[in-house]
Amino acid sequence: MPEAELAQGEELLGHWYWGNTPLTFSVVGGILQLSGGMSCRFSPIGPDLYRGRDGYLAGERLRVVRDGDTISHLDVATFILTRTPYGR
C-alpha cells in the first residue's frame, strides 16, 4: 500500500467491535487487514472508502462514518463496527 494510502487508513488501526465480537485492523505487508470473526484485506477506493479484497468481505465496500472530525463507526456490508462493544 503506498504511503499516502496507509496514512489514510491509520486511524482505523486497532480494536473494533461488531456487537460484542472483537475485531482488529492492522497492517500486514503494507495492506490494511481486518482479523477476528470476519477476516479480510482492504484497499482504499476513495476518501473514507475501502473495498474488501478477499476473505469474508471480498468485494464489499467499507465506509468510514464520521461525526465531525471523529469516526463514529464503520459500515461494511450490513455490519456496523464501533470502538466499543454494543448489544446485538
PDB file of N, CA and C in Angstrom:
ATOM      1  N   MET A   1       0.861  -1.172   0.000  1.00  0.00           N
ATOM      2  CA  MET A   1       0.000   0.000   0.000  1.00  0.00           C
ATOM      3  C   MET A   1       0.900   1.225   0.000  1.00  0.00           C
ATOM      4  N   PRO A   2       0.743   2.138  -0.939  1.00  0.00           N
ATOM      5  CA  PRO A   2       1.566   3.341  -0.935  1.00  0.00           C
ATOM      6  C   PRO A   2       1.397   4.113   0.366  1.00  0.00           C
ATOM      7  N   GLU A   3       2.434   4.883   0.714  1.00  0.00           N
ATOM      8  CA  GLU A   3       2.440   5.605   1.990  1.00  0.00           C
ATOM      9  C   GLU A   3       1.205   6.468   2.184  1.00  0.00           C
ATOM     10  N   ALA A   4       0.730   7.172   1.156  1.00  0.00           N
ATOM     11  CA  ALA A   4      -0.457   8.028   1.274  1.00  0.00           C
ATOM     12  C   ALA A   4      -1.688   7.199   1.605  1.00  0.00           C
ATOM     13  N   GLU A   5      -1.803   6.011   1.005  1.00  0.00           N
ATOM     14  CA  GLU A   5      -2.946   5.145   1.279  1.00  0.00           C
ATOM     15  C   GLU A   5      -2.893   4.619   2.700  1.00  0.00           C
ATOM     16  N   LEU A   6      -1.706   4.274   3.186  1.00  0.00           N
ATOM     17  CA  LEU A   6      -1.562   3.802   4.551  1.00  0.00           C
ATOM     18  C   LEU A   6      -1.927   4.913   5.524  1.00  0.00           C
ATOM     19  N   ALA A   7      -1.479   6.129   5.270  1.00  0.00           N
ATOM     20  CA  ALA A   7      -1.799   7.252   6.151  1.00  0.00           C
ATOM     21  C   ALA A   7      -3.308   7.447   6.226  1.00  0.00           C
ATOM     22  N   GLN A   8      -4.008   7.248   5.110  1.00  0.00           N
ATOM     23  CA  GLN A   8      -5.459   7.395   5.096  1.00  0.00           C
ATOM     24  C   GLN A   8      -6.101   6.388   6.046  1.00  0.00           C
ATOM     25  N   GLY A   9      -5.577   5.176   6.141  1.00  0.00           N
ATOM     26  CA  GLY A   9      -6.175   4.141   6.953  1.00  0.00           C
ATOM     27  C   GLY A   9      -5.633   4.028   8.368  1.00  0.00           C
ATOM     28  N   GLU A  10      -4.636   4.841   8.730  1.00  0.00           N
ATOM     29  CA  GLU A  10      -4.021   4.731  10.048  1.00  0.00           C
ATOM     30  C   GLU A  10      -5.014   4.855  11.191  1.00  0.00           C
ATOM     31  N   GLU A  11      -5.994   5.732  11.066  1.00  0.00           N
ATOM     32  CA  GLU A  11      -6.930   5.915  12.171  1.00  0.00           C
ATOM     33  C   GLU A  11      -7.893   4.744  12.334  1.00  0.00           C
ATOM     34  N   LEU A  12      -7.866   3.795  11.409  1.00  0.00           N
ATOM     35  CA  LEU A  12      -8.688   2.593  11.531  1.00  0.00           C
ATOM     36  C   LEU A  12      -7.975   1.495  12.316  1.00  0.00           C
ATOM     37  N   LEU A  13      -6.672   1.618  12.500  1.00  0.00           N
ATOM     38  CA  LEU A  13      -5.908   0.571  13.160  1.00  0.00           C
ATOM     39  C   LEU A  13      -6.341   0.398  14.603  1.00  0.00           C
ATOM     40  N   GLY A  14      -6.301  -0.846  15.058  1.00  0.00           N
ATOM     41  CA  GLY A  14      -6.641  -1.149  16.447  1.00  0.00           C
ATOM     42  C   GLY A  14      -7.922  -1.954  16.539  1.00  0.00           C
ATOM     43  N   HIS A  15      -8.513  -1.916  17.729  1.00  0.00           N
ATOM     44  CA  HIS A  15      -9.672  -2.751  18.037  1.00  0.00           C
ATOM     45  C   HIS A  15     -10.994  -2.105  17.648  1.00  0.00           C
ATOM     46  N   TRP A  16     -11.877  -2.946  17.102  1.00  0.00           N
ATOM     47  CA  TRP A  16     -13.240  -2.581  16.739  1.00  0.00           C
ATOM     48  C   TRP A  16     -14.151  -3.708  17.197  1.00  0.00           C
ATOM     49  N   TYR A  17     -15.444  -3.427  17.245  1.00  0.00           N
ATOM     50  CA  TYR A  17     -16.403  -4.450  17.676  1.00  0.00           C
ATOM     51  C   TYR A  17     -17.588  -4.491  16.735  1.00  0.00           C
ATOM     52  N   TRP A  18     -18.015  -5.705  16.443  1.00  0.00           N
ATOM     53  CA  TRP A  18     -19.298  -5.947  15.793  1.00  0.00           C
ATOM     54  C   TRP A  18     -20.156  -6.548  16.897  1.00  0.00           C
ATOM     55  N   GLY A  19     -21.045  -5.738  17.484  1.00  0.00           N
ATOM     56  CA  GLY A  19     -21.758  -6.152  18.685  1.00  0.00           C
ATOM     57  C   GLY A  19     -20.736  -6.304  19.795  1.00  0.00           C
ATOM     58  N   ASN A  20     -20.640  -7.501  20.347  1.00  0.00           N
ATOM     59  CA  ASN A  20     -19.611  -7.739  21.369  1.00  0.00           C
ATOM     60  C   ASN A  20     -18.465  -8.600  20.835  1.00  0.00           C
ATOM     61  N   THR A  21     -18.413  -8.801  19.512  1.00  0.00           N
ATOM     62  CA  THR A  21     -17.350  -9.583  18.880  1.00  0.00           C
ATOM     63  C   THR A  21     -16.167  -8.680  18.557  1.00  0.00           C
ATOM     64  N   PRO A  22     -14.995  -8.959  19.147  1.00  0.00           N
ATOM     65  CA  PRO A  22     -13.828  -8.111  18.877  1.00  0.00           C
ATOM     66  C   PRO A  22     -13.208  -8.412  17.515  1.00  0.00           C
ATOM     67  N   LEU A  23     -12.790  -7.353  16.841  1.00  0.00           N
ATOM     68  CA  LEU A  23     -12.091  -7.421  15.563  1.00  0.00           C
ATOM     69  C   LEU A  23     -10.900  -6.478  15.650  1.00  0.00           C
ATOM     70  N   THR A  24      -9.919  -6.673  14.803  1.00  0.00           N
ATOM     71  CA  THR A  24      -8.732  -5.823  14.835  1.00  0.00           C
ATOM     72  C   THR A  24      -8.312  -5.447  13.421  1.00  0.00           C
ATOM     73  N   PHE A  25      -8.078  -4.159  13.198  1.00  0.00           N
ATOM     74  CA  PHE A  25      -7.460  -3.691  11.961  1.00  0.00           C
ATOM     75  C   PHE A  25      -5.971  -3.535  12.219  1.00  0.00           C
ATOM     76  N   SER A  26      -5.168  -4.059  11.309  1.00  0.00           N
ATOM     77  CA  SER A  26      -3.723  -3.914  11.368  1.00  0.00           C
ATOM     78  C   SER A  26      -3.206  -3.763   9.947  1.00  0.00           C
ATOM     79  N   VAL A  27      -1.912  -3.569   9.825  1.00  0.00           N
ATOM     80  CA  VAL A  27      -1.276  -3.518   8.514  1.00  0.00           C
ATOM     81  C   VAL A  27      -0.352  -4.718   8.418  1.00  0.00           C
ATOM     82  N   VAL A  28      -0.572  -5.533   7.411  1.00  0.00           N
ATOM     83  CA  VAL A  28       0.246  -6.721   7.183  1.00  0.00           C
ATOM     84  C   VAL A  28       0.770  -6.635   5.753  1.00  0.00           C
ATOM     85  N   GLY A  29       2.084  -6.599   5.634  1.00  0.00           N
ATOM     86  CA  GLY A  29       2.684  -6.492   4.300  1.00  0.00           C
ATOM     87  C   GLY A  29       2.256  -5.223   3.580  1.00  0.00           C
ATOM     88  N   GLY A  30       2.009  -4.145   4.325  1.00  0.00           N
ATOM     89  CA  GLY A  30       1.611  -2.868   3.738  1.00  0.00           C
ATOM     90  C   GLY A  30       0.143  -2.788   3.357  1.00  0.00           C
ATOM     91  N   ILE A  31      -0.660  -3.789   3.727  1.00  0.00           N
ATOM     92  CA  ILE A  31      -2.075  -3.816   3.354  1.00  0.00           C
ATOM     93  C   ILE A  31      -2.942  -3.772   4.613  1.00  0.00           C
ATOM     94  N   LEU A  32      -3.997  -2.977   4.580  1.00  0.00           N
ATOM     95  CA  LEU A  32      -4.941  -2.877   5.692  1.00  0.00           C
ATOM     96  C   LEU A  32      -5.693  -4.197   5.820  1.00  0.00           C
ATOM     97  N   GLN A  33      -5.641  -4.790   7.010  1.00  0.00           N
ATOM     98  CA  GLN A  33      -6.235  -6.103   7.200  1.00  0.00           C
ATOM     99  C   GLN A  33      -7.115  -6.130   8.440  1.00  0.00           C
ATOM    100  N   LEU A  34      -8.305  -6.719   8.290  1.00  0.00           N
ATOM    101  CA  LEU A  34      -9.235  -6.941   9.397  1.00  0.00           C
ATOM    102  C   LEU A  34      -9.116  -8.397   9.802  1.00  0.00           C
ATOM    103  N   SER A  35      -8.933  -8.643  11.094  1.00  0.00           N
ATOM    104  CA  SER A  35      -8.865 -10.025  11.572  1.00  0.00           C
ATOM    105  C   SER A  35      -9.819 -10.200  12.740  1.00  0.00           C
ATOM    106  N   GLY A  36     -10.165 -11.431  12.975  1.00  0.00           N
ATOM    107  CA  GLY A  36     -11.135 -11.774  14.004  1.00  0.00           C
ATOM    108  C   GLY A  36     -12.230 -12.602  13.363  1.00  0.00           C
ATOM    109  N   GLY A  37     -13.478 -12.369  13.739  1.00  0.00           N
ATOM    110  CA  GLY A  37     -14.606 -13.132  13.238  1.00  0.00           C
ATOM    111  C   GLY A  37     -14.825 -13.027  11.745  1.00  0.00           C
ATOM    112  N   MET A  38     -14.408 -11.927  11.144  1.00  0.00           N
ATOM    113  CA  MET A  38     -14.532 -11.768   9.697  1.00  0.00           C
ATOM    114  C   MET A  38     -13.225 -11.197   9.163  1.00  0.00           C
ATOM    115  N   SER A  39     -12.402 -12.052   8.614  1.00  0.00           N
ATOM    116  CA  SER A  39     -11.091 -11.637   8.137  1.00  0.00           C
ATOM    117  C   SER A  39     -11.167 -11.178   6.688  1.00  0.00           C
ATOM    118  N   CYS A  40     -10.440 -10.095   6.401  1.00  0.00           N
ATOM    119  CA  CYS A  40     -10.444  -9.533   5.054  1.00  0.00           C
ATOM    120  C   CYS A  40      -9.327  -8.508   4.936  1.00  0.00           C
ATOM    121  N   ARG A  41      -8.781  -8.354   3.725  1.00  0.00           N
ATOM    122  CA  ARG A  41      -7.859  -7.263   3.430  1.00  0.00           C
ATOM    123  C   ARG A  41      -8.631  -6.215   2.647  1.00  0.00           C
ATOM    124  N   PHE A  42      -8.272  -4.940   2.832  1.00  0.00           N
ATOM    125  CA  PHE A  42      -8.991  -3.834   2.197  1.00  0.00           C
ATOM    126  C   PHE A  42      -8.043  -2.931   1.433  1.00  0.00           C
ATOM    127  N   SER A  43      -8.558  -2.414   0.310  1.00  0.00           N
ATOM    128  CA  SER A  43      -7.845  -1.410  -0.482  1.00  0.00           C
ATOM    129  C   SER A  43      -8.666  -0.137  -0.503  1.00  0.00           C
ATOM    130  N   PRO A  44      -8.010   1.024  -0.380  1.00  0.00           N
ATOM    131  CA  PRO A  44      -8.748   2.284  -0.460  1.00  0.00           C
ATOM    132  C   PRO A  44      -9.276   2.521  -1.873  1.00  0.00           C
ATOM    133  N   ILE A  45     -10.499   3.042  -1.961  1.00  0.00           N
ATOM    134  CA  ILE A  45     -11.089   3.362  -3.267  1.00  0.00           C
ATOM    135  C   ILE A  45     -11.527   4.819  -3.325  1.00  0.00           C
ATOM    136  N   GLY A  46     -11.364   5.549  -2.232  1.00  0.00           N
ATOM    137  CA  GLY A  46     -11.720   6.960  -2.171  1.00  0.00           C
ATOM    138  C   GLY A  46     -11.587   7.431  -0.743  1.00  0.00           C
ATOM    139  N   PRO A  47     -11.837   8.724  -0.510  1.00  0.00           N
ATOM    140  CA  PRO A  47     -11.770   9.223   0.860  1.00  0.00           C
ATOM    141  C   PRO A  47     -12.778   8.480   1.743  1.00  0.00           C
ATOM    142  N   ASP A  48     -12.279   7.861   2.801  1.00  0.00           N
ATOM    143  CA  ASP A  48     -13.108   7.131   3.768  1.00  0.00           C
ATOM    144  C   ASP A  48     -13.868   5.957   3.146  1.00  0.00           C
ATOM    145  N   LEU A  49     -13.377   5.433   2.037  1.00  0.00           N
ATOM    146  CA  LEU A  49     -13.994   4.268   1.394  1.00  0.00           C
ATOM    147  C   LEU A  49     -12.932   3.221   1.067  1.00  0.00           C
ATOM    148  N   TYR A  50     -13.269   1.965   1.321  1.00  0.00           N
ATOM    149  CA  TYR A  50     -12.372   0.849   1.058  1.00  0.00           C
ATOM    150  C   TYR A  50     -13.178  -0.279   0.431  1.00  0.00           C
ATOM    151  N   ARG A  51     -12.492  -1.164  -0.277  1.00  0.00           N
ATOM    152  CA  ARG A  51     -13.147  -2.323  -0.879  1.00  0.00           C
ATOM    153  C   ARG A  51     -12.446  -3.577  -0.370  1.00  0.00           C
ATOM    154  N   GLY A  52     -13.247  -4.567   0.059  1.00  0.00           N
ATOM    155  CA  GLY A  52     -12.696  -5.837   0.508  1.00  0.00           C
ATOM    156  C   GLY A  52     -12.034  -6.570  -0.640  1.00  0.00           C
ATOM    157  N   ARG A  53     -10.809  -7.025  -0.417  1.00  0.00           N
ATOM    158  CA  ARG A  53     -10.035  -7.695  -1.463  1.00  0.00           C
ATOM    159  C   ARG A  53     -10.231  -9.199  -1.469  1.00  0.00           C
ATOM    160  N   ASP A  54     -10.520  -9.763  -0.318  1.00  0.00           N
ATOM    161  CA  ASP A  54     -10.595 -11.214  -0.204  1.00  0.00           C
ATOM    162  C   ASP A  54     -11.297 -11.575   1.099  1.00  0.00           C
ATOM    163  N   GLY A  55     -11.395 -12.857   1.368  1.00  0.00           N
ATOM    164  CA  GLY A  55     -11.963 -13.306   2.628  1.00  0.00           C
ATOM    165  C   GLY A  55     -13.461 -13.064   2.744  1.00  0.00           C
ATOM    166  N   TYR A  56     -13.939 -13.010   3.950  1.00  0.00           N
ATOM    167  CA  TYR A  56     -15.362 -12.924   4.238  1.00  0.00           C
ATOM    168  C   TYR A  56     -16.040 -11.715   3.584  1.00  0.00           C
ATOM    169  N   LEU A  57     -15.331 -10.598   3.491  1.00  0.00           N
ATOM    170  CA  LEU A  57     -15.924  -9.359   2.973  1.00  0.00           C
ATOM    171  C   LEU A  57     -15.417  -9.001   1.572  1.00  0.00           C
ATOM    172  N   ALA A  58     -14.970  -9.976   0.819  1.00  0.00           N
ATOM    173  CA  ALA A  58     -14.465  -9.737  -0.539  1.00  0.00           C
ATOM    174  C   ALA A  58     -15.508  -9.009  -1.373  1.00  0.00           C
ATOM    175  N   GLY A  59     -15.088  -7.900  -1.991  1.00  0.00           N
ATOM    176  CA  GLY A  59     -15.957  -7.127  -2.864  1.00  0.00           C
ATOM    177  C   GLY A  59     -16.867  -6.140  -2.146  1.00  0.00           C
ATOM    178  N   GLU A  60     -16.965  -6.255  -0.818  1.00  0.00           N
ATOM    179  CA  GLU A  60     -17.843  -5.356  -0.059  1.00  0.00           C
ATOM    180  C   GLU A  60     -17.172  -4.013   0.160  1.00  0.00           C
ATOM    181  N   ARG A  61     -17.995  -2.976   0.267  1.00  0.00           N
ATOM    182  CA  ARG A  61     -17.489  -1.622   0.494  1.00  0.00           C
ATOM    183  C   ARG A  61     -17.512  -1.312   1.988  1.00  0.00           C
ATOM    184  N   LEU A  62     -16.391  -0.824   2.500  1.00  0.00           N
ATOM    185  CA  LEU A  62     -16.293  -0.352   3.875  1.00  0.00           C
ATOM    186  C   LEU A  62     -16.314   1.166   3.829  1.00  0.00           C
ATOM    187  N   ARG A  63     -17.240   1.765   4.579  1.00  0.00           N
ATOM    188  CA  ARG A  63     -17.364   3.222   4.614  1.00  0.00           C
ATOM    189  C   ARG A  63     -17.098   3.709   6.025  1.00  0.00           C
ATOM    190  N   VAL A  64     -16.230   4.708   6.161  1.00  0.00           N
ATOM    191  CA  VAL A  64     -15.949   5.339   7.441  1.00  0.00           C
ATOM    192  C   VAL A  64     -17.002   6.424   7.643  1.00  0.00           C
ATOM    193  N   VAL A  65     -17.766   6.322   8.728  1.00  0.00           N
ATOM    194  CA  VAL A  65     -18.818   7.292   9.035  1.00  0.00           C
ATOM    195  C   VAL A  65     -18.291   8.216  10.125  1.00  0.00           C
ATOM    196  N   ARG A  66     -18.337   9.509   9.843  1.00  0.00           N
ATOM    197  CA  ARG A  66     -17.765  10.492  10.770  1.00  0.00           C
ATOM    198  C   ARG A  66     -18.834  11.363  11.419  1.00  0.00           C
ATOM    199  N   ASP A  67     -18.514  11.795  12.637  1.00  0.00           N
ATOM    200  CA  ASP A  67     -19.263  12.814  13.350  1.00  0.00           C
ATOM    201  C   ASP A  67     -18.287  13.973  13.503  1.00  0.00           C
ATOM    202  N   GLY A  68     -18.312  14.888  12.558  1.00  0.00           N
ATOM    203  CA  GLY A  68     -17.294  15.938  12.510  1.00  0.00           C
ATOM    204  C   GLY A  68     -15.974  15.322  12.094  1.00  0.00           C
ATOM    205  N   ASP A  69     -14.940  15.541  12.902  1.00  0.00           N
ATOM    206  CA  ASP A  69     -13.612  15.001  12.605  1.00  0.00           C
ATOM    207  C   ASP A  69     -13.377  13.629  13.236  1.00  0.00           C
ATOM    208  N   THR A  70     -14.335  13.148  14.001  1.00  0.00           N
ATOM    209  CA  THR A  70     -14.191  11.891  14.727  1.00  0.00           C
ATOM    210  C   THR A  70     -14.933  10.768  14.011  1.00  0.00           C
ATOM    211  N   ILE A  71     -14.333   9.581  14.004  1.00  0.00           N
ATOM    212  CA  ILE A  71     -15.024   8.423  13.423  1.00  0.00           C
ATOM    213  C   ILE A  71     -16.132   7.990  14.374  1.00  0.00           C
ATOM    214  N   SER A  72     -17.343   7.943  13.859  1.00  0.00           N
ATOM    215  CA  SER A  72     -18.494   7.463  14.619  1.00  0.00           C
ATOM    216  C   SER A  72     -18.524   5.934  14.588  1.00  0.00           C
ATOM    217  N   HIS A  73     -18.423   5.360  13.382  1.00  0.00           N
ATOM    218  CA  HIS A  73     -18.441   3.913  13.211  1.00  0.00           C
ATOM    219  C   HIS A  73     -18.008   3.577  11.793  1.00  0.00           C
ATOM    220  N   LEU A  74     -17.857   2.291  11.538  1.00  0.00           N
ATOM    221  CA  LEU A  74     -17.559   1.786  10.209  1.00  0.00           C
ATOM    222  C   LEU A  74     -18.765   1.000   9.737  1.00  0.00           C
ATOM    223  N   ASP A  75     -19.125   1.174   8.479  1.00  0.00           N
ATOM    224  CA  ASP A  75     -20.255   0.475   7.875  1.00  0.00           C
ATOM    225  C   ASP A  75     -19.709  -0.383   6.745  1.00  0.00           C
ATOM    226  N   VAL A  76     -19.794  -1.693   6.909  1.00  0.00           N
ATOM    227  CA  VAL A  76     -19.309  -2.607   5.880  1.00  0.00           C
ATOM    228  C   VAL A  76     -20.367  -3.674   5.656  1.00  0.00           C
ATOM    229  N   ALA A  77     -20.867  -3.734   4.410  1.00  0.00           N
ATOM    230  CA  ALA A  77     -21.994  -4.604   4.071  1.00  0.00           C
ATOM    231  C   ALA A  77     -23.134  -4.222   5.006  1.00  0.00           C
ATOM    232  N   THR A  78     -23.651  -5.127   5.794  1.00  0.00           N
ATOM    233  CA  THR A  78     -24.708  -4.780   6.757  1.00  0.00           C
ATOM    234  C   THR A  78     -24.169  -4.707   8.177  1.00  0.00           C
ATOM    235  N   PHE A  79     -22.853  -4.743   8.334  1.00  0.00           N
ATOM    236  CA  PHE A  79     -22.228  -4.747   9.653  1.00  0.00           C
ATOM    237  C   PHE A  79     -21.844  -3.333  10.076  1.00  0.00           C
ATOM    238  N   ILE A  80     -22.109  -3.007  11.337  1.00  0.00           N
ATOM    239  CA  ILE A  80     -21.674  -1.745  11.934  1.00  0.00           C
ATOM    240  C   ILE A  80     -20.579  -2.071  12.929  1.00  0.00           C
ATOM    241  N   LEU A  81     -19.398  -1.480  12.749  1.00  0.00           N
ATOM    242  CA  LEU A  81     -18.275  -1.688  13.647  1.00  0.00           C
ATOM    243  C   LEU A  81     -18.046  -0.431  14.456  1.00  0.00           C
ATOM    244  N   THR A  82     -17.891  -0.595  15.769  1.00  0.00           N
ATOM    245  CA  THR A  82     -17.659   0.531  16.670  1.00  0.00           C
ATOM    246  C   THR A  82     -16.408   0.274  17.509  1.00  0.00           C
ATOM    247  N   ARG A  83     -15.924   1.313  18.156  1.00  0.00           N
ATOM    248  CA  ARG A  83     -14.728   1.176  19.004  1.00  0.00           C
ATOM    249  C   ARG A  83     -15.050   0.519  20.346  1.00  0.00           C
ATOM    250  N   THR A  84     -16.297   0.514  20.742  1.00  0.00           N
ATOM    251  CA  THR A  84     -16.698  -0.126  21.999  1.00  0.00           C
ATOM    252  C   THR A  84     -17.764  -1.167  21.711  1.00  0.00           C
ATOM    253  N   PRO A  85     -17.831  -2.220  22.530  1.00  0.00           N
ATOM    254  CA  PRO A  85     -18.847  -3.260  22.311  1.00  0.00           C
ATOM    255  C   PRO A  85     -20.265  -2.702  22.471  1.00  0.00           C
ATOM    256  N   TYR A  86     -21.197  -3.308  21.794  1.00  0.00           N
ATOM    257  CA  TYR A  86     -22.616  -2.935  21.919  1.00  0.00           C
ATOM    258  C   TYR A  86     -23.449  -4.198  21.811  1.00  0.00           C
ATOM    259  N   GLY A  87     -24.674  -4.162  22.332  1.00  0.00           N
ATOM    260  CA  GLY A  87     -25.563  -5.320  22.286  1.00  0.00           C
ATOM    261  C   GLY A  87     -26.129  -5.512  20.896  1.00  0.00           C
ATOM    262  N   ARG A  88     -26.372  -6.765  20.548  1.00  0.00           N
ATOM    263  CA  ARG A  88     -26.961  -7.051  19.234  1.00  0.00           C
ATOM    264  C   ARG A  88     -28.424  -7.311  19.383  1.00  0.00           C
TER     265      ARG A  88
END
